[in-house]
Amino acid sequence: MHRKPPSAAHATPPTSSSENTSAPPRRRCRAVAKAVLASAGVLGLVAGCDDGAQPGVAAPAPSSAPSSAPAAAADGSDYSACADGTCEVRVSGPVDIPLTGQGGLRRISVAAVTANGIDFTTDGGGTGNLTRGCVITLYENGSGSRCSSGEPERPRPVDGVLALQLAELRDGTAILRLVSGKVGPPPASLRPPTWSW
């Protein structure tokens, strides 16, 4: 007895009850991605999704993430440019920065560049930590600081005052900005009070 083979027109491929064959691949990928993100919160799992590429057509190569460029400073690593109290230099480790009396100082020494900012000392025996968003002012017999959220404004020159600002901090490299006015005593508002008895 000969059995007639089934007609190709009537053959039906097996389907899974959980698979929606009517949805295009792109929609299925998004649905899977949303479910994965909602349940696991892992973005990396989305990378394996089918973007709807047709068989035999090469998918575009994924673009690599741009690498962070090294921090740029107006004066590079020329620390002698700071001798007049105004410069922008790149630091990534201990270094001495010479001055000529700005803020009553002859030297600022960067002790370390940390994840939070710059640790420094002065030839007057002071120590400090300069963090992003803050400006430290140094002057004869005193110091001050102010911090703000967001990008702080560049300090303006004030006679007798040396201002320090962390312009940028990335990958263990900092851009240190120094701004000062003329060498001499600070403004009267910053001088210690004089008492008359």
N, C-alpha and C. Protein backbone atom coordinates (compact mmCIF):
# COMPACT_ATOMS: atom_id res chain seq x y z
N MET A 1 0.87 -1.18 0.00
CA MET A 1 0.00 0.00 0.00
C MET A 1 0.90 1.23 0.00
N HIS A 2 0.59 2.06 -0.95
CA HIS A 2 1.39 3.28 -1.08
C HIS A 2 0.65 4.43 -0.46
N ARG A 3 1.42 5.17 0.45
CA ARG A 3 0.80 6.38 1.03
C ARG A 3 1.26 7.60 0.26
N LYS A 4 0.34 8.45 0.02
CA LYS A 4 0.66 9.67 -0.72
C LYS A 4 1.34 10.65 0.23
N PRO A 5 2.53 11.13 -0.14
CA PRO A 5 3.19 12.10 0.75
C PRO A 5 2.38 13.36 0.86
N PRO A 6 2.43 13.99 2.03
CA PRO A 6 1.65 15.22 2.19
C PRO A 6 2.14 16.31 1.26
N SER A 7 1.21 17.11 0.81
CA SER A 7 1.53 18.20 -0.09
C SER A 7 2.35 19.24 0.65
N ALA A 8 3.34 19.81 -0.04
CA ALA A 8 4.19 20.83 0.58
C ALA A 8 3.36 22.04 0.98
N ALA A 9 2.29 22.27 0.30
CA ALA A 9 1.46 23.44 0.62
C ALA A 9 0.77 23.26 1.95
N HIS A 10 0.55 22.00 2.38
CA HIS A 10 -0.15 21.77 3.64
C HIS A 10 0.80 21.54 4.80
N ALA A 11 2.11 21.43 4.52
CA ALA A 11 3.06 21.16 5.61
C ALA A 11 3.15 22.39 6.49
N THR A 12 3.14 22.17 7.78
CA THR A 12 3.19 23.28 8.73
C THR A 12 4.36 23.07 9.66
N PRO A 13 5.31 24.02 9.70
CA PRO A 13 6.45 23.84 10.61
C PRO A 13 5.98 23.92 12.05
N PRO A 14 6.64 23.17 12.92
CA PRO A 14 6.24 23.21 14.33
C PRO A 14 6.51 24.59 14.91
N THR A 15 5.62 25.05 15.76
CA THR A 15 5.80 26.35 16.40
C THR A 15 5.74 26.17 17.90
N SER A 16 6.39 27.08 18.56
CA SER A 16 6.36 27.09 20.02
C SER A 16 5.23 27.98 20.46
N SER A 17 4.54 27.57 21.49
CA SER A 17 3.40 28.37 21.94
C SER A 17 3.84 29.70 22.50
N SER A 18 5.13 29.79 22.93
CA SER A 18 5.59 31.05 23.52
C SER A 18 6.14 32.00 22.48
N GLU A 19 6.28 31.57 21.23
CA GLU A 19 6.88 32.43 20.22
C GLU A 19 5.81 33.06 19.38
N ASN A 20 5.91 34.34 19.15
CA ASN A 20 4.97 35.06 18.30
C ASN A 20 5.63 35.24 16.95
N THR A 21 5.23 34.39 15.99
CA THR A 21 5.87 34.43 14.68
C THR A 21 5.40 35.60 13.84
N SER A 22 4.32 36.26 14.23
CA SER A 22 3.82 37.37 13.43
C SER A 22 4.57 38.67 13.72
N ALA A 23 5.24 38.76 14.87
CA ALA A 23 5.93 40.01 15.22
C ALA A 23 7.28 40.05 14.52
N PRO A 24 7.64 41.18 13.94
CA PRO A 24 8.95 41.27 13.30
C PRO A 24 10.05 41.14 14.35
N PRO A 25 11.28 40.73 13.94
CA PRO A 25 12.36 40.51 14.90
C PRO A 25 12.65 41.73 15.74
N ARG A 26 12.57 42.93 15.19
CA ARG A 26 12.90 44.13 15.96
C ARG A 26 11.98 44.29 17.16
N ARG A 27 10.68 44.05 16.97
CA ARG A 27 9.74 44.19 18.08
C ARG A 27 9.99 43.14 19.15
N ARG A 28 10.31 41.93 18.72
CA ARG A 28 10.59 40.87 19.71
C ARG A 28 11.80 41.26 20.54
N CYS A 29 12.80 41.82 19.89
CA CYS A 29 14.01 42.22 20.61
C CYS A 29 13.68 43.27 21.66
N ARG A 30 12.87 44.26 21.30
CA ARG A 30 12.54 45.31 22.25
C ARG A 30 11.75 44.76 23.42
N ALA A 31 10.85 43.84 23.15
CA ALA A 31 10.06 43.27 24.23
C ALA A 31 10.96 42.50 25.18
N VAL A 32 11.90 41.73 24.62
CA VAL A 32 12.83 40.98 25.47
C VAL A 32 13.71 41.94 26.24
N ALA A 33 14.20 42.99 25.56
CA ALA A 33 15.08 43.94 26.23
C ALA A 33 14.37 44.60 27.40
N LYS A 34 13.10 45.01 27.19
CA LYS A 34 12.37 45.66 28.27
C LYS A 34 12.17 44.72 29.44
N ALA A 35 11.87 43.46 29.15
CA ALA A 35 11.66 42.50 30.23
C ALA A 35 12.96 42.27 30.99
N VAL A 36 14.07 42.16 30.27
CA VAL A 36 15.36 41.95 30.92
C VAL A 36 15.73 43.15 31.77
N LEU A 37 15.56 44.35 31.21
CA LEU A 37 15.91 45.55 31.95
C LEU A 37 15.05 45.72 33.18
N ALA A 38 13.78 45.42 33.05
CA ALA A 38 12.88 45.60 34.19
C ALA A 38 13.19 44.61 35.29
N SER A 39 13.54 43.37 34.93
CA SER A 39 13.74 42.37 35.97
C SER A 39 15.16 42.34 36.50
N ALA A 40 16.16 42.55 35.62
CA ALA A 40 17.55 42.42 36.07
C ALA A 40 18.29 43.74 36.11
N GLY A 41 17.86 44.71 35.33
CA GLY A 41 18.55 46.00 35.29
C GLY A 41 19.92 45.91 34.65
N VAL A 42 20.16 44.96 33.78
CA VAL A 42 21.47 44.79 33.18
C VAL A 42 21.40 45.21 31.73
N LEU A 43 22.11 46.27 31.38
CA LEU A 43 22.07 46.78 30.02
C LEU A 43 22.84 45.89 29.06
N GLY A 44 23.87 45.21 29.53
CA GLY A 44 24.72 44.43 28.64
C GLY A 44 23.99 43.29 27.97
N LEU A 45 22.90 42.81 28.54
CA LEU A 45 22.18 41.70 27.94
C LEU A 45 21.46 42.10 26.67
N VAL A 46 21.22 43.37 26.46
CA VAL A 46 20.50 43.82 25.28
C VAL A 46 21.37 43.70 24.04
N ALA A 47 22.68 43.65 24.20
CA ALA A 47 23.59 43.65 23.06
C ALA A 47 23.38 42.45 22.15
N GLY A 48 22.84 41.34 22.66
CA GLY A 48 22.67 40.15 21.84
C GLY A 48 21.38 40.13 21.05
N CYS A 49 20.58 41.14 21.07
CA CYS A 49 19.29 41.15 20.38
C CYS A 49 19.47 41.24 18.88
N ASP A 50 18.50 40.67 18.17
CA ASP A 50 18.47 40.76 16.72
C ASP A 50 17.85 42.09 16.35
N ASP A 51 18.55 42.89 15.56
CA ASP A 51 18.03 44.20 15.16
C ASP A 51 17.21 44.14 13.89
N GLY A 52 16.74 42.95 13.54
CA GLY A 52 15.90 42.84 12.37
C GLY A 52 16.69 42.66 11.09
N ALA A 53 17.97 42.28 11.20
CA ALA A 53 18.79 42.08 10.00
C ALA A 53 18.27 40.87 9.24
N GLN A 54 18.31 40.96 7.92
CA GLN A 54 17.84 39.88 7.07
C GLN A 54 18.95 38.85 6.91
N PRO A 55 18.60 37.57 6.75
CA PRO A 55 19.63 36.55 6.53
C PRO A 55 20.46 36.88 5.31
N GLY A 56 21.76 36.67 5.43
CA GLY A 56 22.67 36.94 4.32
C GLY A 56 23.11 38.38 4.23
N VAL A 57 22.56 39.28 5.09
CA VAL A 57 22.95 40.68 5.08
C VAL A 57 23.75 40.95 6.33
N ALA A 58 24.96 41.44 6.15
CA ALA A 58 25.83 41.68 7.30
C ALA A 58 25.30 42.85 8.11
N ALA A 59 25.29 42.65 9.42
CA ALA A 59 24.86 43.73 10.32
C ALA A 59 26.01 44.71 10.48
N PRO A 60 25.73 45.99 10.68
CA PRO A 60 26.81 46.96 10.87
C PRO A 60 27.59 46.65 12.14
N ALA A 61 28.91 46.89 12.07
CA ALA A 61 29.75 46.64 13.24
C ALA A 61 29.41 47.64 14.32
N PRO A 62 29.38 47.19 15.58
CA PRO A 62 29.08 48.13 16.67
C PRO A 62 30.20 49.14 16.81
N SER A 63 29.79 50.38 17.05
CA SER A 63 30.80 51.42 17.22
C SER A 63 31.34 51.35 18.63
N SER A 64 32.65 51.53 18.73
CA SER A 64 33.27 51.47 20.06
C SER A 64 33.03 52.79 20.77
N ALA A 65 32.95 52.73 22.10
CA ALA A 65 32.73 53.94 22.89
C ALA A 65 33.95 54.83 22.77
N PRO A 66 33.75 56.15 22.65
CA PRO A 66 34.90 57.04 22.52
C PRO A 66 35.72 57.03 23.79
N SER A 67 37.05 56.95 23.63
CA SER A 67 37.91 56.96 24.80
C SER A 67 38.05 58.39 25.29
N SER A 68 38.19 58.54 26.59
CA SER A 68 38.29 59.89 27.15
C SER A 68 39.66 60.46 26.80
N ALA A 69 39.64 61.64 26.20
CA ALA A 69 40.88 62.29 25.82
C ALA A 69 41.59 62.80 27.06
N PRO A 70 42.92 62.85 27.01
CA PRO A 70 43.62 63.37 28.17
C PRO A 70 43.23 64.82 28.44
N ALA A 71 43.23 65.18 29.71
CA ALA A 71 42.87 66.53 30.09
C ALA A 71 43.85 67.53 29.48
N ALA A 72 43.33 68.66 28.98
CA ALA A 72 44.18 69.67 28.37
C ALA A 72 44.29 70.87 29.29
N ALA A 73 45.48 71.45 29.37
CA ALA A 73 45.71 72.63 30.20
C ALA A 73 46.39 73.69 29.35
N ALA A 74 46.06 74.96 29.58
CA ALA A 74 46.60 76.06 28.79
C ALA A 74 48.13 76.08 28.83
N ASP A 75 48.72 75.77 29.99
CA ASP A 75 50.18 75.81 30.13
C ASP A 75 50.80 74.41 30.18
N GLY A 76 50.00 73.38 29.87
CA GLY A 76 50.53 72.02 29.86
C GLY A 76 51.11 71.64 31.21
N SER A 77 52.35 71.16 31.20
CA SER A 77 53.04 70.80 32.44
C SER A 77 54.18 71.77 32.74
N ASP A 78 54.08 72.99 32.21
CA ASP A 78 55.10 74.02 32.44
C ASP A 78 54.78 74.76 33.73
N TYR A 79 55.26 74.21 34.84
CA TYR A 79 54.94 74.78 36.15
C TYR A 79 55.59 76.14 36.38
N SER A 80 56.65 76.44 35.62
CA SER A 80 57.27 77.76 35.76
C SER A 80 56.34 78.86 35.26
N ALA A 81 55.31 78.49 34.46
CA ALA A 81 54.34 79.48 33.99
C ALA A 81 53.52 80.04 35.15
N CYS A 82 53.55 79.36 36.30
CA CYS A 82 52.76 79.80 37.46
C CYS A 82 53.50 80.83 38.31
N ALA A 83 54.73 81.17 37.94
CA ALA A 83 55.53 82.08 38.76
C ALA A 83 54.86 83.42 38.98
N ASP A 84 54.03 83.86 38.03
CA ASP A 84 53.33 85.14 38.20
C ASP A 84 51.99 84.98 38.90
N GLY A 85 51.67 83.73 39.33
CA GLY A 85 50.45 83.50 40.08
C GLY A 85 49.22 83.24 39.24
N THR A 86 49.39 83.20 37.91
CA THR A 86 48.26 82.93 37.03
C THR A 86 48.68 81.89 36.00
N CYS A 87 48.04 80.72 36.05
CA CYS A 87 48.38 79.64 35.12
C CYS A 87 47.30 78.58 35.15
N GLU A 88 47.43 77.63 34.24
CA GLU A 88 46.55 76.46 34.20
C GLU A 88 47.44 75.29 33.80
N VAL A 89 47.72 74.40 34.76
CA VAL A 89 48.67 73.32 34.52
C VAL A 89 48.06 71.96 34.81
N ARG A 90 48.61 70.95 34.15
CA ARG A 90 48.17 69.57 34.33
C ARG A 90 49.06 68.91 35.37
N VAL A 91 48.43 68.26 36.36
CA VAL A 91 49.18 67.54 37.39
C VAL A 91 48.59 66.15 37.55
N SER A 92 49.46 65.17 37.76
CA SER A 92 49.00 63.81 37.98
C SER A 92 49.73 63.16 39.15
N GLY A 93 50.59 63.92 39.81
CA GLY A 93 51.32 63.38 40.96
C GLY A 93 52.04 64.50 41.68
N PRO A 94 52.90 64.16 42.62
CA PRO A 94 53.60 65.19 43.40
C PRO A 94 54.42 66.12 42.51
N VAL A 95 54.29 67.41 42.76
CA VAL A 95 55.06 68.41 42.01
C VAL A 95 55.10 69.71 42.81
N ASP A 96 56.21 70.45 42.69
CA ASP A 96 56.34 71.77 43.31
C ASP A 96 56.05 72.83 42.26
N ILE A 97 55.21 73.79 42.63
CA ILE A 97 54.86 74.89 41.73
C ILE A 97 55.41 76.18 42.32
N PRO A 98 56.39 76.80 41.64
CA PRO A 98 57.02 78.01 42.20
C PRO A 98 56.14 79.24 42.05
N LEU A 99 56.21 80.11 43.03
CA LEU A 99 55.49 81.38 43.01
C LEU A 99 56.48 82.49 43.34
N THR A 100 56.04 83.74 43.20
CA THR A 100 56.90 84.88 43.50
C THR A 100 56.24 85.82 44.50
N GLY A 101 55.60 85.23 45.50
CA GLY A 101 55.01 86.03 46.56
C GLY A 101 53.51 86.18 46.50
N GLN A 102 52.85 85.62 45.51
CA GLN A 102 51.39 85.74 45.42
C GLN A 102 50.76 85.03 46.62
N GLY A 103 49.83 85.72 47.26
CA GLY A 103 49.20 85.17 48.46
C GLY A 103 50.18 85.01 49.61
N GLY A 104 51.32 85.70 49.53
CA GLY A 104 52.35 85.59 50.57
C GLY A 104 53.14 84.30 50.48
N LEU A 105 53.08 83.62 49.34
CA LEU A 105 53.72 82.30 49.21
C LEU A 105 54.81 82.30 48.14
N ARG A 106 55.74 81.36 48.31
CA ARG A 106 56.79 81.15 47.32
C ARG A 106 56.67 79.79 46.64
N ARG A 107 55.78 78.94 47.17
CA ARG A 107 55.65 77.61 46.58
C ARG A 107 54.36 76.95 47.03
N ILE A 108 53.75 76.23 46.10
CA ILE A 108 52.66 75.30 46.41
C ILE A 108 53.15 73.92 45.96
N SER A 109 53.00 72.94 46.83
CA SER A 109 53.43 71.58 46.51
C SER A 109 52.20 70.68 46.43
N VAL A 110 51.99 70.09 45.26
CA VAL A 110 50.92 69.09 45.11
C VAL A 110 51.45 67.80 45.71
N ALA A 111 50.78 67.31 46.74
CA ALA A 111 51.20 66.07 47.39
C ALA A 111 50.65 64.85 46.67
N ALA A 112 49.39 64.94 46.20
CA ALA A 112 48.76 63.80 45.52
C ALA A 112 47.53 64.27 44.77
N VAL A 113 47.23 63.56 43.68
CA VAL A 113 45.97 63.73 42.95
C VAL A 113 45.14 62.51 43.28
N THR A 114 44.00 62.73 43.92
CA THR A 114 43.14 61.63 44.35
C THR A 114 41.86 61.61 43.52
N ALA A 115 41.00 60.65 43.83
CA ALA A 115 39.72 60.58 43.13
C ALA A 115 38.83 61.77 43.46
N ASN A 116 39.12 62.45 44.57
CA ASN A 116 38.30 63.59 45.01
C ASN A 116 38.89 64.94 44.65
N GLY A 117 40.18 65.01 44.38
CA GLY A 117 40.78 66.30 44.09
C GLY A 117 42.28 66.30 44.28
N ILE A 118 42.81 67.43 44.74
CA ILE A 118 44.25 67.62 44.89
C ILE A 118 44.56 67.88 46.35
N ASP A 119 45.48 67.12 46.92
CA ASP A 119 46.02 67.40 48.25
C ASP A 119 47.28 68.24 48.06
N PHE A 120 47.40 69.35 48.79
CA PHE A 120 48.55 70.23 48.60
C PHE A 120 49.05 70.79 49.92
N THR A 121 50.27 71.29 49.89
CA THR A 121 50.86 72.00 51.03
C THR A 121 51.45 73.29 50.49
N THR A 122 51.73 74.23 51.40
CA THR A 122 52.36 75.49 51.01
C THR A 122 53.66 75.65 51.79
N ASP A 123 54.53 76.53 51.30
CA ASP A 123 55.78 76.77 52.01
C ASP A 123 55.56 77.48 53.34
N GLY A 124 54.36 77.98 53.56
CA GLY A 124 54.04 78.61 54.84
C GLY A 124 53.57 77.61 55.87
N GLY A 125 53.54 76.32 55.52
CA GLY A 125 53.13 75.28 56.46
C GLY A 125 51.66 74.91 56.38
N GLY A 126 50.94 75.50 55.45
CA GLY A 126 49.52 75.17 55.32
C GLY A 126 49.30 73.90 54.51
N THR A 127 48.17 73.25 54.74
CA THR A 127 47.78 72.07 53.97
C THR A 127 46.33 72.25 53.54
N GLY A 128 45.96 71.58 52.47
CA GLY A 128 44.58 71.70 52.01
C GLY A 128 44.22 70.61 51.03
N ASN A 129 42.93 70.53 50.73
CA ASN A 129 42.41 69.61 49.73
C ASN A 129 41.48 70.41 48.83
N LEU A 130 41.82 70.46 47.56
CA LEU A 130 41.04 71.21 46.58
C LEU A 130 40.16 70.23 45.82
N THR A 131 38.85 70.42 45.90
CA THR A 131 37.91 69.52 45.23
C THR A 131 37.17 70.26 44.12
N ARG A 132 36.51 69.49 43.27
CA ARG A 132 35.78 70.05 42.13
C ARG A 132 34.64 70.94 42.63
N GLY A 133 34.47 72.06 42.01
CA GLY A 133 33.39 72.97 42.38
C GLY A 133 33.76 73.97 43.45
N CYS A 134 35.00 73.90 43.97
CA CYS A 134 35.43 74.80 45.05
C CYS A 134 36.59 75.68 44.60
N VAL A 135 36.70 76.84 45.21
CA VAL A 135 37.82 77.75 45.02
C VAL A 135 38.41 78.03 46.39
N ILE A 136 39.72 77.83 46.51
CA ILE A 136 40.42 78.13 47.76
C ILE A 136 41.22 79.41 47.53
N THR A 137 41.11 80.36 48.44
CA THR A 137 41.88 81.59 48.37
C THR A 137 42.91 81.59 49.49
N LEU A 138 44.13 81.95 49.13
CA LEU A 138 45.24 82.02 50.09
C LEU A 138 45.78 83.44 50.09
N TYR A 139 46.04 83.95 51.28
CA TYR A 139 46.58 85.29 51.40
C TYR A 139 47.36 85.36 52.69
N GLU A 140 48.10 86.42 52.85
CA GLU A 140 48.96 86.56 54.03
C GLU A 140 48.13 86.48 55.31
N ASN A 141 48.50 85.55 56.16
CA ASN A 141 47.83 85.32 57.46
C ASN A 141 46.40 84.83 57.35
N GLY A 142 46.05 84.19 56.26
CA GLY A 142 44.69 83.68 56.19
C GLY A 142 44.39 82.88 54.93
N SER A 143 43.20 82.31 54.91
CA SER A 143 42.73 81.57 53.74
C SER A 143 41.21 81.51 53.79
N GLY A 144 40.62 81.14 52.69
CA GLY A 144 39.17 81.00 52.63
C GLY A 144 38.80 80.03 51.52
N SER A 145 37.54 79.67 51.46
CA SER A 145 37.08 78.79 50.40
C SER A 145 35.60 79.03 50.15
N ARG A 146 35.19 78.72 48.93
CA ARG A 146 33.77 78.77 48.59
C ARG A 146 33.51 77.65 47.59
N CYS A 147 32.38 77.03 47.71
CA CYS A 147 32.02 75.92 46.83
C CYS A 147 30.64 76.19 46.24
N SER A 148 30.42 75.64 45.05
CA SER A 148 29.13 75.81 44.39
C SER A 148 28.81 74.54 43.63
N SER A 149 27.53 74.32 43.39
CA SER A 149 27.13 73.18 42.58
C SER A 149 27.28 73.56 41.11
N GLY A 150 27.52 72.58 40.29
CA GLY A 150 27.72 72.85 38.87
C GLY A 150 29.11 73.37 38.61
N GLU A 151 29.27 73.99 37.47
CA GLU A 151 30.58 74.49 37.06
C GLU A 151 30.82 75.87 37.67
N PRO A 152 31.85 75.99 38.55
CA PRO A 152 32.08 77.30 39.18
C PRO A 152 32.70 78.28 38.19
N GLU A 153 32.49 79.54 38.45
CA GLU A 153 33.08 80.58 37.61
C GLU A 153 34.58 80.65 37.87
N ARG A 154 35.28 81.06 36.85
CA ARG A 154 36.72 81.27 36.99
C ARG A 154 36.95 82.40 38.00
N PRO A 155 37.87 82.22 38.96
CA PRO A 155 38.12 83.30 39.93
C PRO A 155 38.64 84.55 39.24
N ARG A 156 38.31 85.71 39.80
CA ARG A 156 38.85 86.95 39.24
C ARG A 156 40.09 87.34 40.05
N PRO A 157 41.05 88.01 39.41
CA PRO A 157 42.27 88.39 40.13
C PRO A 157 42.00 89.41 41.22
N VAL A 158 42.58 89.17 42.38
CA VAL A 158 42.49 90.11 43.50
C VAL A 158 43.90 90.32 44.02
N ASP A 159 44.31 91.57 44.17
CA ASP A 159 45.65 91.87 44.66
C ASP A 159 45.86 91.26 46.04
N GLY A 160 47.01 90.63 46.21
CA GLY A 160 47.36 90.04 47.50
C GLY A 160 46.73 88.69 47.77
N VAL A 161 45.96 88.15 46.82
CA VAL A 161 45.25 86.89 47.02
C VAL A 161 45.62 85.91 45.90
N LEU A 162 45.86 84.67 46.27
CA LEU A 162 46.09 83.60 45.29
C LEU A 162 44.89 82.66 45.36
N ALA A 163 44.21 82.49 44.23
CA ALA A 163 43.05 81.60 44.17
C ALA A 163 43.44 80.31 43.47
N LEU A 164 42.99 79.18 44.03
CA LEU A 164 43.23 77.86 43.46
C LEU A 164 41.89 77.26 43.05
N GLN A 165 41.85 76.68 41.87
CA GLN A 165 40.62 76.07 41.37
C GLN A 165 40.96 74.79 40.62
N LEU A 166 40.15 73.76 40.85
CA LEU A 166 40.29 72.50 40.13
C LEU A 166 39.42 72.60 38.88
N ALA A 167 40.06 72.85 37.73
CA ALA A 167 39.30 73.06 36.49
C ALA A 167 38.77 71.76 35.93
N GLU A 168 39.52 70.66 36.15
CA GLU A 168 39.09 69.37 35.61
C GLU A 168 39.79 68.26 36.38
N LEU A 169 39.11 67.13 36.51
CA LEU A 169 39.68 65.95 37.17
C LEU A 169 39.19 64.73 36.44
N ARG A 170 40.14 63.99 35.81
CA ARG A 170 39.74 62.82 35.03
C ARG A 170 40.88 61.82 34.99
N ASP A 171 40.57 60.57 35.30
CA ASP A 171 41.53 59.47 35.18
C ASP A 171 42.85 59.75 35.88
N GLY A 172 42.79 60.29 37.08
CA GLY A 172 44.01 60.54 37.86
C GLY A 172 44.81 61.74 37.43
N THR A 173 44.27 62.55 36.53
CA THR A 173 44.94 63.77 36.07
C THR A 173 44.04 64.96 36.37
N ALA A 174 44.64 66.00 36.93
CA ALA A 174 43.88 67.20 37.30
C ALA A 174 44.41 68.40 36.54
N ILE A 175 43.52 69.34 36.28
CA ILE A 175 43.91 70.64 35.74
C ILE A 175 43.77 71.64 36.88
N LEU A 176 44.91 72.16 37.31
CA LEU A 176 44.94 73.12 38.41
C LEU A 176 45.04 74.53 37.84
N ARG A 177 44.11 75.38 38.26
CA ARG A 177 44.08 76.77 37.79
C ARG A 177 44.47 77.69 38.95
N LEU A 178 45.44 78.56 38.71
CA LEU A 178 45.84 79.58 39.69
C LEU A 178 45.51 80.95 39.12
N VAL A 179 44.94 81.81 39.96
CA VAL A 179 44.61 83.18 39.54
C VAL A 179 45.01 84.11 40.68
N SER A 180 45.72 85.18 40.35
CA SER A 180 46.09 86.15 41.38
C SER A 180 46.21 87.54 40.79
N GLY A 181 46.25 88.51 41.68
CA GLY A 181 46.49 89.90 41.29
C GLY A 181 47.93 90.26 41.61
N LYS A 182 48.16 91.51 41.93
CA LYS A 182 49.51 91.97 42.24
C LYS A 182 49.95 91.42 43.59
N VAL A 183 51.26 91.29 43.73
CA VAL A 183 51.84 90.86 45.00
C VAL A 183 51.72 92.01 46.00
N GLY A 184 51.34 91.69 47.21
CA GLY A 184 51.21 92.70 48.25
C GLY A 184 50.20 92.27 49.29
N PRO A 185 49.81 93.16 50.16
CA PRO A 185 48.83 92.80 51.19
C PRO A 185 47.46 92.56 50.58
N PRO A 186 46.65 91.71 51.20
CA PRO A 186 45.30 91.46 50.70
C PRO A 186 44.40 92.66 50.97
N PRO A 187 43.20 92.66 50.42
CA PRO A 187 42.26 93.76 50.70
C PRO A 187 42.02 93.89 52.21
N ALA A 188 41.65 95.08 52.62
CA ALA A 188 41.45 95.36 54.05
C ALA A 188 40.43 94.40 54.67
N SER A 189 39.45 93.96 53.89
CA SER A 189 38.42 93.07 54.44
C SER A 189 39.00 91.71 54.84
N LEU A 190 40.16 91.35 54.30
CA LEU A 190 40.77 90.06 54.62
C LEU A 190 41.90 90.16 55.63
N ARG A 191 42.24 91.38 56.02
CA ARG A 191 43.33 91.54 56.99
C ARG A 191 42.81 91.35 58.40
N PRO A 192 43.68 90.82 59.27
CA PRO A 192 43.24 90.70 60.66
C PRO A 192 42.94 92.06 61.26
N PRO A 193 41.97 92.15 62.15
CA PRO A 193 41.65 93.47 62.74
C PRO A 193 42.79 93.99 63.61
N THR A 194 42.93 95.28 63.60
CA THR A 194 43.93 95.91 64.46
C THR A 194 43.20 96.49 65.66
N TRP A 195 43.72 96.20 66.81
CA TRP A 195 43.07 96.65 68.05
C TRP A 195 43.83 97.84 68.63
N SER A 196 43.12 98.83 69.06
CA SER A 196 43.76 99.95 69.75
C SER A 196 43.24 99.98 71.18
N TRP A 197 44.16 100.05 72.09
CA TRP A 197 43.80 100.02 73.53
C TRP A 197 43.95 101.38 74.14
